[in-house]
Amino acid sequence: MNSSHADIELQTELMHKSDTIWTAMPKADKEAIEQIINTDPNVIN
């Protein structure tokens, strides 16, 4: 894995912002996530 320091800093910053995928995913209901993926598998690409 070739992550630069800047890339790591950006990822860390994004993890601390609210209303991002980083906060939504852990809070989301597993069943709801599975339904979304089953409806449109391309959503994870």
Foldseek 3Di string as FASTA:
>chain_A
DDDDPVNVVVVVVQCPDPPDPNVDVVVDDPVVVVVVCVVPVVVVD
